[in-house]
């Protein structure tokens, strides 16, 4: 591998999409991409010592941003490594959590293919990259509708736990959990708990 080639670790849990993204990057003469599933990210990072890690946090096999968190931890071992996430517009919660995972680059999954390579080069140069089409979603990400406690309650509800089970798990009273659920329903504009879960998952808050 030539010295000036940018080393890219591409993490995706869907084999077909992982191969397609790798093939896309292989067209670029200044990029070298190693594509792996999340479970192999740590080992691959130690081998490659990447300059940029690319991850799709919306992929299957991991809850929330577990994949991004895994890659972010790998990047922490290599000071010159930057985290780049592939996200969809209209999911402000996911953007917020990607930011909290210390992502330096954000590319819209609906963007033209060359945007990914451009973003990788920008990050490898030590700068941040935010796709213009994600600007509105980023603004929405600063206005999180739910508190951390409310998200904790809703996350457990999404797992199918009853009010009593949520109360025991979070060391709350059943009445307090019901109050949280009422606030969640109001803040999300939902009709009921199931609708609140659907809305929050769609926006990426869960």
N, C-alpha and C. Protein backbone atom coordinates (compact mmCIF):
# COMPACT_ATOMS: atom_id res chain seq x y z
N UNK A 1 0.84 -1.20 0.00
CA UNK A 1 0.00 0.00 0.00
C UNK A 1 0.88 1.25 0.00
N UNK A 2 0.60 2.20 -0.89
CA UNK A 2 1.40 3.40 -0.97
C UNK A 2 1.18 4.27 0.26
N UNK A 3 2.20 5.05 0.61
CA UNK A 3 2.17 5.84 1.82
C UNK A 3 1.04 6.87 1.81
N UNK A 4 0.71 7.45 0.63
CA UNK A 4 -0.27 8.52 0.60
C UNK A 4 -1.70 8.03 0.41
N UNK A 5 -1.92 6.72 0.41
CA UNK A 5 -3.26 6.17 0.29
C UNK A 5 -3.96 6.25 1.65
N UNK A 6 -5.21 6.71 1.65
CA UNK A 6 -5.99 6.85 2.88
C UNK A 6 -6.57 5.49 3.27
N UNK A 7 -6.31 5.07 4.49
CA UNK A 7 -6.80 3.77 4.98
C UNK A 7 -8.17 3.95 5.60
N UNK A 8 -9.14 3.21 5.08
CA UNK A 8 -10.54 3.35 5.51
C UNK A 8 -11.06 2.02 6.04
N UNK A 9 -11.63 2.06 7.24
CA UNK A 9 -12.31 0.90 7.79
C UNK A 9 -13.80 1.11 7.59
N UNK A 10 -14.43 0.23 6.83
CA UNK A 10 -15.85 0.33 6.50
C UNK A 10 -16.61 -0.74 7.29
N UNK A 11 -17.50 -0.30 8.18
CA UNK A 11 -18.21 -1.23 9.05
C UNK A 11 -19.70 -1.22 8.70
N UNK A 12 -20.20 -2.37 8.30
CA UNK A 12 -21.63 -2.50 7.97
C UNK A 12 -22.04 -3.94 8.22
N UNK A 13 -23.21 -4.15 8.80
CA UNK A 13 -23.65 -5.49 9.14
C UNK A 13 -24.48 -6.18 8.06
N UNK A 14 -24.73 -5.51 6.94
CA UNK A 14 -25.42 -6.13 5.82
C UNK A 14 -24.40 -6.42 4.73
N UNK A 15 -24.19 -7.70 4.45
CA UNK A 15 -23.14 -8.12 3.54
C UNK A 15 -23.22 -7.50 2.15
N UNK A 16 -24.41 -7.45 1.59
CA UNK A 16 -24.57 -6.93 0.24
C UNK A 16 -24.21 -5.45 0.19
N UNK A 17 -24.72 -4.66 1.13
CA UNK A 17 -24.43 -3.23 1.15
C UNK A 17 -22.96 -2.98 1.50
N UNK A 18 -22.42 -3.80 2.38
CA UNK A 18 -21.00 -3.66 2.73
C UNK A 18 -20.12 -3.86 1.50
N UNK A 19 -20.45 -4.88 0.71
CA UNK A 19 -19.68 -5.14 -0.51
C UNK A 19 -19.85 -4.03 -1.54
N UNK A 20 -21.08 -3.50 -1.64
CA UNK A 20 -21.34 -2.43 -2.60
C UNK A 20 -20.57 -1.16 -2.24
N UNK A 21 -20.54 -0.81 -0.95
CA UNK A 21 -19.80 0.37 -0.51
C UNK A 21 -18.31 0.18 -0.71
N UNK A 22 -17.82 -1.03 -0.43
CA UNK A 22 -16.40 -1.30 -0.63
C UNK A 22 -16.02 -1.18 -2.10
N UNK A 23 -16.88 -1.70 -2.98
CA UNK A 23 -16.63 -1.61 -4.42
C UNK A 23 -16.61 -0.15 -4.88
N UNK A 24 -17.50 0.65 -4.29
CA UNK A 24 -17.55 2.07 -4.62
C UNK A 24 -16.23 2.76 -4.27
N UNK A 25 -15.71 2.47 -3.09
CA UNK A 25 -14.47 3.11 -2.65
C UNK A 25 -13.24 2.58 -3.39
N UNK A 26 -13.32 1.34 -3.86
CA UNK A 26 -12.19 0.77 -4.59
C UNK A 26 -11.92 1.49 -5.90
N UNK A 27 -12.91 2.23 -6.40
CA UNK A 27 -12.71 3.00 -7.64
C UNK A 27 -11.76 4.17 -7.43
N UNK A 28 -11.63 4.59 -6.17
CA UNK A 28 -10.81 5.77 -5.86
C UNK A 28 -9.35 5.33 -5.62
N UNK A 29 -8.44 5.83 -6.42
CA UNK A 29 -7.06 5.38 -6.36
C UNK A 29 -6.35 5.78 -5.07
N UNK A 30 -6.87 6.82 -4.40
CA UNK A 30 -6.21 7.28 -3.18
C UNK A 30 -6.84 6.72 -1.91
N UNK A 31 -7.78 5.75 -2.07
CA UNK A 31 -8.43 5.16 -0.91
C UNK A 31 -8.22 3.65 -0.88
N UNK A 32 -7.99 3.13 0.32
CA UNK A 32 -7.94 1.68 0.51
C UNK A 32 -8.95 1.34 1.60
N UNK A 33 -9.96 0.53 1.27
CA UNK A 33 -11.03 0.22 2.22
C UNK A 33 -11.01 -1.24 2.62
N UNK A 34 -11.11 -1.46 3.91
CA UNK A 34 -11.28 -2.80 4.47
C UNK A 34 -12.69 -2.85 5.03
N UNK A 35 -13.55 -3.72 4.48
CA UNK A 35 -14.96 -3.77 4.86
C UNK A 35 -15.22 -4.98 5.76
N UNK A 36 -15.83 -4.74 6.92
CA UNK A 36 -16.08 -5.80 7.89
C UNK A 36 -17.41 -5.58 8.60
N UNK A 37 -18.00 -6.62 9.20
CA UNK A 37 -19.17 -6.44 10.06
C UNK A 37 -18.73 -5.88 11.41
N UNK A 38 -19.69 -5.42 12.20
CA UNK A 38 -19.38 -4.79 13.48
C UNK A 38 -18.54 -5.67 14.39
N UNK A 39 -18.86 -6.95 14.45
CA UNK A 39 -18.17 -7.85 15.36
C UNK A 39 -16.68 -7.99 15.06
N UNK A 40 -16.27 -7.63 13.85
CA UNK A 40 -14.87 -7.73 13.46
C UNK A 40 -14.16 -6.38 13.45
N UNK A 41 -14.86 -5.32 13.85
CA UNK A 41 -14.32 -3.97 13.75
C UNK A 41 -13.05 -3.78 14.57
N UNK A 42 -13.05 -4.27 15.81
CA UNK A 42 -11.88 -4.08 16.67
C UNK A 42 -10.64 -4.74 16.12
N UNK A 43 -10.78 -5.99 15.72
CA UNK A 43 -9.64 -6.72 15.16
C UNK A 43 -9.16 -6.08 13.86
N UNK A 44 -10.11 -5.67 13.01
CA UNK A 44 -9.74 -5.04 11.74
C UNK A 44 -9.03 -3.71 11.96
N UNK A 45 -9.48 -2.94 12.97
CA UNK A 45 -8.86 -1.65 13.26
C UNK A 45 -7.42 -1.84 13.72
N UNK A 46 -7.17 -2.84 14.53
CA UNK A 46 -5.80 -3.10 14.99
C UNK A 46 -4.90 -3.47 13.83
N UNK A 47 -5.46 -4.18 12.87
CA UNK A 47 -4.68 -4.60 11.71
C UNK A 47 -4.42 -3.44 10.74
N UNK A 48 -5.45 -2.67 10.47
CA UNK A 48 -5.36 -1.61 9.46
C UNK A 48 -4.83 -0.29 9.99
N UNK A 49 -5.12 0.01 11.27
CA UNK A 49 -4.84 1.33 11.85
C UNK A 49 -5.39 2.42 10.92
N UNK A 50 -6.71 2.45 10.77
CA UNK A 50 -7.35 3.34 9.79
C UNK A 50 -7.22 4.81 10.12
N UNK A 51 -7.33 5.61 9.07
CA UNK A 51 -7.39 7.06 9.24
C UNK A 51 -8.84 7.53 9.33
N UNK A 52 -9.74 6.77 8.70
CA UNK A 52 -11.17 7.08 8.74
C UNK A 52 -11.95 5.78 8.91
N UNK A 53 -12.94 5.80 9.81
CA UNK A 53 -13.86 4.67 9.97
C UNK A 53 -15.23 5.11 9.50
N UNK A 54 -15.84 4.34 8.62
CA UNK A 54 -17.17 4.64 8.09
C UNK A 54 -18.16 3.61 8.64
N UNK A 55 -19.26 4.07 9.19
CA UNK A 55 -20.25 3.16 9.77
C UNK A 55 -21.67 3.62 9.44
N UNK A 56 -22.56 2.64 9.24
CA UNK A 56 -23.97 2.91 9.05
C UNK A 56 -24.68 2.55 10.35
N UNK A 57 -25.00 3.52 11.20
CA UNK A 57 -25.61 3.22 12.49
C UNK A 57 -27.06 2.76 12.39
N UNK A 58 -27.64 2.84 11.19
CA UNK A 58 -29.02 2.39 11.01
C UNK A 58 -29.09 0.92 10.60
N UNK A 59 -27.94 0.30 10.43
CA UNK A 59 -27.92 -1.09 9.98
C UNK A 59 -28.42 -2.04 11.05
N UNK A 60 -28.69 -3.30 10.67
CA UNK A 60 -29.19 -4.30 11.62
C UNK A 60 -28.07 -4.85 12.49
N UNK A 61 -28.44 -5.64 13.46
CA UNK A 61 -27.45 -6.34 14.26
C UNK A 61 -26.95 -5.56 15.45
N UNK A 62 -27.33 -4.31 15.60
CA UNK A 62 -26.88 -3.51 16.74
C UNK A 62 -28.00 -2.56 17.14
N UNK A 63 -28.16 -2.36 18.43
CA UNK A 63 -29.19 -1.45 18.91
C UNK A 63 -28.67 -0.03 18.91
N UNK A 64 -29.47 0.88 18.35
CA UNK A 64 -29.07 2.28 18.35
C UNK A 64 -27.75 2.48 17.63
N UNK A 65 -26.82 3.12 18.33
CA UNK A 65 -25.52 3.41 17.73
C UNK A 65 -24.43 2.50 18.28
N UNK A 66 -24.78 1.27 18.58
CA UNK A 66 -23.77 0.34 19.11
C UNK A 66 -22.63 0.17 18.11
N UNK A 67 -22.99 0.10 16.83
CA UNK A 67 -21.95 -0.06 15.81
C UNK A 67 -21.01 1.15 15.80
N UNK A 68 -21.61 2.35 15.83
CA UNK A 68 -20.79 3.56 15.83
C UNK A 68 -19.95 3.65 17.09
N UNK A 69 -20.52 3.25 18.21
CA UNK A 69 -19.77 3.28 19.47
C UNK A 69 -18.58 2.34 19.42
N UNK A 70 -18.79 1.17 18.81
CA UNK A 70 -17.69 0.21 18.67
C UNK A 70 -16.57 0.80 17.83
N UNK A 71 -16.94 1.39 16.71
CA UNK A 71 -15.94 1.97 15.83
C UNK A 71 -15.28 3.19 16.48
N UNK A 72 -16.09 3.99 17.19
CA UNK A 72 -15.54 5.16 17.88
C UNK A 72 -14.49 4.73 18.89
N UNK A 73 -14.74 3.62 19.58
CA UNK A 73 -13.75 3.12 20.54
C UNK A 73 -12.48 2.71 19.82
N UNK A 74 -12.64 2.10 18.66
CA UNK A 74 -11.47 1.73 17.86
C UNK A 74 -10.69 2.97 17.44
N UNK A 75 -11.42 3.99 17.03
CA UNK A 75 -10.77 5.23 16.60
C UNK A 75 -10.01 5.87 17.76
N UNK A 76 -10.53 5.69 18.97
CA UNK A 76 -9.85 6.27 20.12
C UNK A 76 -8.45 5.73 20.32
N UNK A 77 -8.22 4.52 19.81
CA UNK A 77 -6.90 3.92 19.95
C UNK A 77 -5.90 4.48 18.93
N UNK A 78 -6.45 5.17 17.93
CA UNK A 78 -5.60 5.73 16.87
C UNK A 78 -5.93 7.21 16.73
N UNK A 79 -5.12 8.09 17.30
CA UNK A 79 -5.43 9.53 17.34
C UNK A 79 -5.75 10.14 15.99
N UNK A 80 -5.21 9.58 14.91
CA UNK A 80 -5.45 10.16 13.59
C UNK A 80 -6.69 9.63 12.91
N UNK A 81 -7.48 8.80 13.61
CA UNK A 81 -8.65 8.18 13.00
C UNK A 81 -9.91 8.99 13.30
N UNK A 82 -10.73 9.21 12.27
CA UNK A 82 -11.97 9.97 12.41
C UNK A 82 -13.16 9.08 12.09
N UNK A 83 -14.28 9.32 12.77
CA UNK A 83 -15.50 8.54 12.57
C UNK A 83 -16.44 9.26 11.63
N UNK A 84 -16.90 8.55 10.58
CA UNK A 84 -17.84 9.09 9.61
C UNK A 84 -19.08 8.21 9.60
N UNK A 85 -20.25 8.81 9.73
CA UNK A 85 -21.50 8.04 9.76
C UNK A 85 -22.34 8.31 8.52
N UNK A 86 -23.02 7.27 8.07
CA UNK A 86 -23.97 7.36 6.96
C UNK A 86 -25.36 7.40 7.57
N UNK A 87 -26.10 8.47 7.35
CA UNK A 87 -27.41 8.63 7.98
C UNK A 87 -28.44 9.14 6.97
N UNK A 88 -29.70 8.97 7.34
CA UNK A 88 -30.79 9.47 6.51
C UNK A 88 -31.29 10.80 7.07
N UNK A 89 -31.71 11.68 6.19
CA UNK A 89 -32.30 12.93 6.64
C UNK A 89 -33.60 12.63 7.36
N UNK A 90 -33.99 13.51 8.26
CA UNK A 90 -35.25 13.32 8.98
C UNK A 90 -35.12 12.40 10.19
N UNK A 91 -33.88 12.12 10.60
CA UNK A 91 -33.67 11.29 11.80
C UNK A 91 -32.77 12.05 12.78
N UNK A 92 -33.29 13.16 13.33
CA UNK A 92 -32.46 14.02 14.19
C UNK A 92 -31.92 13.31 15.43
N UNK A 93 -32.69 12.36 15.95
CA UNK A 93 -32.23 11.65 17.12
C UNK A 93 -30.97 10.84 16.84
N UNK A 94 -30.93 10.24 15.67
CA UNK A 94 -29.76 9.46 15.28
C UNK A 94 -28.55 10.37 15.09
N UNK A 95 -28.77 11.54 14.51
CA UNK A 95 -27.67 12.50 14.35
C UNK A 95 -27.14 12.95 15.70
N UNK A 96 -28.05 13.19 16.64
CA UNK A 96 -27.63 13.62 17.98
C UNK A 96 -26.77 12.55 18.64
N UNK A 97 -27.19 11.31 18.52
CA UNK A 97 -26.44 10.24 19.14
C UNK A 97 -25.12 9.98 18.42
N UNK A 98 -25.10 10.21 17.11
CA UNK A 98 -23.84 10.09 16.37
C UNK A 98 -22.86 11.18 16.82
N UNK A 99 -23.39 12.37 17.04
CA UNK A 99 -22.56 13.47 17.54
C UNK A 99 -22.01 13.13 18.92
N UNK A 100 -22.87 12.55 19.76
CA UNK A 100 -22.43 12.16 21.10
C UNK A 100 -21.37 11.06 21.05
N UNK A 101 -21.38 10.27 19.96
CA UNK A 101 -20.38 9.22 19.77
C UNK A 101 -19.10 9.78 19.15
N UNK A 102 -19.03 11.13 19.05
CA UNK A 102 -17.85 11.83 18.55
C UNK A 102 -17.58 11.61 17.07
N UNK A 103 -18.66 11.50 16.29
CA UNK A 103 -18.49 11.43 14.83
C UNK A 103 -18.05 12.79 14.30
N UNK A 104 -17.10 12.77 13.37
CA UNK A 104 -16.62 14.01 12.76
C UNK A 104 -17.18 14.24 11.36
N UNK A 105 -17.79 13.20 10.78
CA UNK A 105 -18.32 13.32 9.44
C UNK A 105 -19.71 12.72 9.32
N UNK A 106 -20.58 13.36 8.51
CA UNK A 106 -21.97 12.93 8.35
C UNK A 106 -22.32 13.00 6.87
N UNK A 107 -22.66 11.87 6.27
CA UNK A 107 -23.03 11.83 4.86
C UNK A 107 -24.45 11.29 4.73
N UNK A 108 -25.27 11.99 3.97
CA UNK A 108 -26.64 11.56 3.72
C UNK A 108 -26.63 10.30 2.85
N UNK A 109 -27.39 9.29 3.27
CA UNK A 109 -27.43 8.05 2.51
C UNK A 109 -28.07 8.22 1.13
N UNK A 110 -28.76 9.35 0.91
CA UNK A 110 -29.34 9.64 -0.40
C UNK A 110 -28.43 10.52 -1.26
N UNK A 111 -27.24 10.81 -0.77
CA UNK A 111 -26.32 11.70 -1.50
C UNK A 111 -25.72 10.98 -2.71
N UNK A 112 -25.15 11.77 -3.61
CA UNK A 112 -24.44 11.20 -4.75
C UNK A 112 -23.23 10.41 -4.24
N UNK A 113 -22.88 9.29 -4.90
CA UNK A 113 -21.81 8.41 -4.43
C UNK A 113 -20.48 9.12 -4.16
N UNK A 114 -20.16 10.14 -4.97
CA UNK A 114 -18.86 10.79 -4.80
C UNK A 114 -18.76 11.53 -3.47
N UNK A 115 -19.91 11.83 -2.85
CA UNK A 115 -19.88 12.55 -1.57
C UNK A 115 -19.16 11.74 -0.48
N UNK A 116 -19.31 10.43 -0.53
CA UNK A 116 -18.66 9.59 0.48
C UNK A 116 -17.15 9.70 0.37
N UNK A 117 -16.63 9.58 -0.83
CA UNK A 117 -15.18 9.69 -1.03
C UNK A 117 -14.69 11.09 -0.66
N UNK A 118 -15.47 12.10 -1.03
CA UNK A 118 -15.09 13.47 -0.69
C UNK A 118 -15.01 13.65 0.82
N UNK A 119 -16.01 13.12 1.53
CA UNK A 119 -16.05 13.26 2.98
C UNK A 119 -14.87 12.54 3.63
N UNK A 120 -14.52 11.38 3.13
CA UNK A 120 -13.38 10.63 3.67
C UNK A 120 -12.11 11.45 3.53
N UNK A 121 -11.92 12.08 2.39
CA UNK A 121 -10.72 12.89 2.18
C UNK A 121 -10.68 14.09 3.12
N UNK A 122 -11.84 14.70 3.33
CA UNK A 122 -11.91 15.85 4.23
C UNK A 122 -11.53 15.43 5.65
N UNK A 123 -12.09 14.33 6.11
CA UNK A 123 -11.80 13.85 7.47
C UNK A 123 -10.34 13.43 7.61
N UNK A 124 -9.81 12.79 6.58
CA UNK A 124 -8.41 12.38 6.62
C UNK A 124 -7.48 13.59 6.70
N UNK A 125 -7.99 14.73 6.21
CA UNK A 125 -7.21 15.97 6.27
C UNK A 125 -7.36 16.70 7.59
N UNK A 126 -8.10 16.11 8.52
CA UNK A 126 -8.23 16.71 9.85
C UNK A 126 -9.39 17.66 10.02
N UNK A 127 -10.31 17.71 9.05
CA UNK A 127 -11.45 18.62 9.14
C UNK A 127 -12.75 17.83 9.29
N UNK A 128 -13.82 18.55 9.67
CA UNK A 128 -15.14 17.93 9.79
C UNK A 128 -15.90 18.03 8.47
N UNK A 129 -16.88 17.15 8.31
CA UNK A 129 -17.69 17.16 7.09
C UNK A 129 -19.15 16.91 7.47
N UNK A 130 -20.02 17.83 7.06
CA UNK A 130 -21.46 17.66 7.28
C UNK A 130 -22.17 17.89 5.94
N UNK A 131 -22.87 16.89 5.47
CA UNK A 131 -23.62 17.00 4.23
C UNK A 131 -24.64 18.12 4.35
N UNK A 132 -24.67 19.02 3.37
CA UNK A 132 -25.59 20.16 3.41
C UNK A 132 -27.04 19.74 3.61
N UNK A 133 -27.42 18.61 3.05
CA UNK A 133 -28.81 18.17 3.10
C UNK A 133 -29.22 17.71 4.50
N UNK A 134 -28.26 17.62 5.42
CA UNK A 134 -28.56 17.21 6.78
C UNK A 134 -28.67 18.39 7.74
N UNK A 135 -28.52 19.59 7.21
CA UNK A 135 -28.51 20.78 8.07
C UNK A 135 -29.79 20.93 8.89
N UNK A 136 -30.95 20.75 8.26
CA UNK A 136 -32.22 20.90 8.96
C UNK A 136 -32.35 19.84 10.06
N UNK A 137 -31.94 18.61 9.75
CA UNK A 137 -32.01 17.54 10.74
C UNK A 137 -31.10 17.84 11.92
N UNK A 138 -29.94 18.47 11.65
CA UNK A 138 -29.04 18.83 12.73
C UNK A 138 -29.68 19.89 13.63
N UNK A 139 -30.40 20.83 13.02
CA UNK A 139 -31.09 21.85 13.82
C UNK A 139 -32.13 21.18 14.71
N UNK A 140 -32.86 20.22 14.17
CA UNK A 140 -33.86 19.50 14.95
C UNK A 140 -33.21 18.68 16.07
N UNK A 141 -31.98 18.23 15.81
CA UNK A 141 -31.28 17.40 16.80
C UNK A 141 -30.96 18.18 18.07
N UNK A 142 -30.89 19.49 17.96
CA UNK A 142 -30.61 20.31 19.14
C UNK A 142 -31.86 20.52 20.00
N UNK A 143 -33.01 20.11 19.47
CA UNK A 143 -34.27 20.29 20.19
C UNK A 143 -34.86 18.93 20.55
N UNK A 144 -34.11 18.17 21.30
CA UNK A 144 -34.56 16.84 21.71
C UNK A 144 -35.86 16.95 22.49
N UNK A 145 -36.91 16.26 22.08
CA UNK A 145 -38.21 16.40 22.75
C UNK A 145 -38.29 15.69 24.09
N UNK A 146 -37.46 14.67 24.31
CA UNK A 146 -37.56 13.86 25.50
C UNK A 146 -36.30 13.95 26.35
N UNK A 147 -36.49 13.90 27.65
CA UNK A 147 -35.36 13.90 28.57
C UNK A 147 -34.71 12.50 28.58
N UNK A 148 -33.53 12.40 29.18
CA UNK A 148 -32.86 11.12 29.26
C UNK A 148 -33.71 10.11 30.04
N UNK A 149 -34.34 10.56 31.11
CA UNK A 149 -35.18 9.66 31.89
C UNK A 149 -36.38 9.18 31.08
N UNK A 150 -36.99 10.10 30.34
CA UNK A 150 -38.13 9.71 29.51
C UNK A 150 -37.71 8.72 28.43
N UNK A 151 -36.52 8.92 27.87
CA UNK A 151 -36.01 7.98 26.87
C UNK A 151 -35.76 6.61 27.49
N UNK A 152 -35.28 6.60 28.73
CA UNK A 152 -35.06 5.33 29.42
C UNK A 152 -36.37 4.58 29.60
N UNK A 153 -37.40 5.30 30.01
CA UNK A 153 -38.71 4.70 30.20
C UNK A 153 -39.25 4.17 28.87
N UNK A 154 -39.16 4.99 27.84
CA UNK A 154 -39.70 4.60 26.53
C UNK A 154 -38.92 3.43 25.93
N UNK A 155 -37.62 3.40 26.15
CA UNK A 155 -36.81 2.29 25.64
C UNK A 155 -37.25 0.96 26.24
N UNK A 156 -37.52 0.97 27.53
CA UNK A 156 -38.00 -0.25 28.18
C UNK A 156 -39.40 -0.62 27.70
N UNK A 157 -40.22 0.40 27.48
CA UNK A 157 -41.56 0.15 26.95
C UNK A 157 -41.47 -0.48 25.56
N UNK A 158 -40.51 -0.01 24.77
CA UNK A 158 -40.33 -0.54 23.42
C UNK A 158 -39.89 -2.00 23.45
N UNK A 159 -39.30 -2.43 24.55
CA UNK A 159 -38.90 -3.82 24.70
C UNK A 159 -40.04 -4.70 25.16
N UNK A 160 -41.20 -4.08 25.40
CA UNK A 160 -42.38 -4.83 25.78
C UNK A 160 -42.62 -4.95 27.27
N UNK A 161 -41.85 -4.21 28.08
CA UNK A 161 -42.01 -4.29 29.53
C UNK A 161 -43.30 -3.58 29.96
N UNK A 162 -43.91 -4.07 31.00
CA UNK A 162 -45.11 -3.45 31.56
C UNK A 162 -44.70 -2.27 32.43
N UNK A 163 -45.70 -1.49 32.85
CA UNK A 163 -45.43 -0.36 33.74
C UNK A 163 -44.75 -0.83 35.02
N UNK A 164 -45.24 -1.92 35.59
CA UNK A 164 -44.66 -2.45 36.83
C UNK A 164 -43.21 -2.88 36.62
N UNK A 165 -42.93 -3.51 35.49
CA UNK A 165 -41.56 -3.97 35.21
C UNK A 165 -40.62 -2.80 34.98
N UNK A 166 -41.11 -1.76 34.29
CA UNK A 166 -40.30 -0.56 34.07
C UNK A 166 -40.00 0.11 35.41
N UNK A 167 -41.02 0.18 36.26
CA UNK A 167 -40.86 0.80 37.58
C UNK A 167 -39.79 0.08 38.39
N UNK A 168 -39.83 -1.26 38.40
CA UNK A 168 -38.82 -2.03 39.14
C UNK A 168 -37.44 -1.83 38.54
N UNK A 169 -37.35 -1.84 37.22
CA UNK A 169 -36.06 -1.71 36.56
C UNK A 169 -35.39 -0.36 36.78
N UNK A 170 -36.19 0.69 36.88
CA UNK A 170 -35.65 2.04 37.05
C UNK A 170 -35.79 2.55 38.48
N UNK A 171 -36.26 1.69 39.38
CA UNK A 171 -36.42 2.05 40.79
C UNK A 171 -37.35 3.26 40.95
N UNK A 172 -38.49 3.17 40.27
CA UNK A 172 -39.51 4.22 40.33
C UNK A 172 -40.82 3.61 40.79
N UNK A 173 -41.77 4.45 41.12
CA UNK A 173 -43.10 3.96 41.42
C UNK A 173 -43.86 3.80 40.10
N UNK A 174 -44.90 2.95 40.12
CA UNK A 174 -45.71 2.76 38.92
C UNK A 174 -46.38 4.08 38.51
N UNK A 175 -46.78 4.87 39.50
CA UNK A 175 -47.41 6.16 39.19
C UNK A 175 -46.46 7.10 38.48
N UNK A 176 -45.20 7.09 38.90
CA UNK A 176 -44.20 7.95 38.25
C UNK A 176 -43.98 7.51 36.80
N UNK A 177 -43.93 6.21 36.58
CA UNK A 177 -43.77 5.71 35.21
C UNK A 177 -44.95 6.13 34.35
N UNK A 178 -46.16 6.04 34.89
CA UNK A 178 -47.34 6.48 34.12
C UNK A 178 -47.27 7.97 33.81
N UNK A 179 -46.77 8.76 34.75
CA UNK A 179 -46.62 10.19 34.49
C UNK A 179 -45.60 10.44 33.37
N UNK A 180 -44.51 9.68 33.40
CA UNK A 180 -43.51 9.81 32.34
C UNK A 180 -44.12 9.44 30.98
N UNK A 181 -44.89 8.35 30.95
CA UNK A 181 -45.50 7.92 29.69
C UNK A 181 -46.49 8.96 29.18
N UNK A 182 -47.21 9.59 30.09
CA UNK A 182 -48.15 10.64 29.67
C UNK A 182 -47.40 11.82 29.08
N UNK A 183 -46.28 12.18 29.70
CA UNK A 183 -45.47 13.29 29.19
C UNK A 183 -44.87 12.94 27.83
N UNK A 184 -44.42 11.71 27.69
CA UNK A 184 -43.83 11.25 26.42
C UNK A 184 -44.86 11.31 25.31
N UNK A 185 -46.06 10.83 25.60
CA UNK A 185 -47.13 10.84 24.61
C UNK A 185 -47.47 12.26 24.18
N UNK A 186 -47.51 13.17 25.14
CA UNK A 186 -47.81 14.57 24.84
C UNK A 186 -46.70 15.21 24.01
N UNK A 187 -45.45 15.02 24.42
CA UNK A 187 -44.33 15.67 23.75
C UNK A 187 -44.12 15.18 22.31
N UNK A 188 -44.40 13.90 22.08
CA UNK A 188 -44.20 13.34 20.74
C UNK A 188 -45.43 13.52 19.85
N UNK A 189 -46.52 14.00 20.44
CA UNK A 189 -47.74 14.17 19.67
C UNK A 189 -48.38 12.84 19.30
N UNK A 190 -48.11 11.83 20.12
CA UNK A 190 -48.61 10.49 19.84
C UNK A 190 -50.01 10.27 20.39
N UNK A 191 -50.65 9.22 19.91
CA UNK A 191 -52.00 8.88 20.38
C UNK A 191 -51.92 7.99 21.63
N UNK A 192 -50.87 7.19 21.70
CA UNK A 192 -50.72 6.26 22.80
C UNK A 192 -49.25 5.82 22.89
N UNK A 193 -48.96 4.87 23.77
CA UNK A 193 -47.59 4.43 23.98
C UNK A 193 -46.99 3.81 22.72
N UNK A 194 -47.76 2.97 22.06
CA UNK A 194 -47.27 2.33 20.84
C UNK A 194 -46.92 3.37 19.78
N UNK A 195 -47.77 4.37 19.65
CA UNK A 195 -47.53 5.43 18.67
C UNK A 195 -46.30 6.25 19.04
N UNK A 196 -46.11 6.49 20.34
CA UNK A 196 -44.94 7.24 20.80
C UNK A 196 -43.65 6.48 20.49
N UNK A 197 -43.68 5.17 20.65
CA UNK A 197 -42.51 4.34 20.31
C UNK A 197 -42.22 4.43 18.82
N UNK A 198 -43.28 4.31 18.01
CA UNK A 198 -43.11 4.37 16.55
C UNK A 198 -42.52 5.71 16.11
N UNK A 199 -43.05 6.80 16.65
CA UNK A 199 -42.57 8.14 16.29
C UNK A 199 -41.12 8.32 16.71
N UNK A 200 -40.79 7.91 17.90
CA UNK A 200 -39.43 8.09 18.43
C UNK A 200 -38.42 7.23 17.69
N UNK A 201 -38.81 6.03 17.33
CA UNK A 201 -37.90 5.18 16.55
C UNK A 201 -37.70 5.74 15.14
N UNK A 202 -38.77 6.26 14.56
CA UNK A 202 -38.66 6.84 13.21
C UNK A 202 -37.73 8.03 13.17
N UNK A 203 -37.73 8.83 14.25
CA UNK A 203 -36.88 10.01 14.31
C UNK A 203 -35.46 9.68 14.76
N UNK A 204 -35.28 8.44 15.21
CA UNK A 204 -33.94 8.04 15.66
C UNK A 204 -33.63 8.33 17.11
N UNK A 205 -34.66 8.73 17.89
CA UNK A 205 -34.41 9.00 19.31
C UNK A 205 -34.23 7.70 20.08
N UNK A 206 -34.83 6.63 19.59
CA UNK A 206 -34.67 5.32 20.21
C UNK A 206 -33.79 4.45 19.33
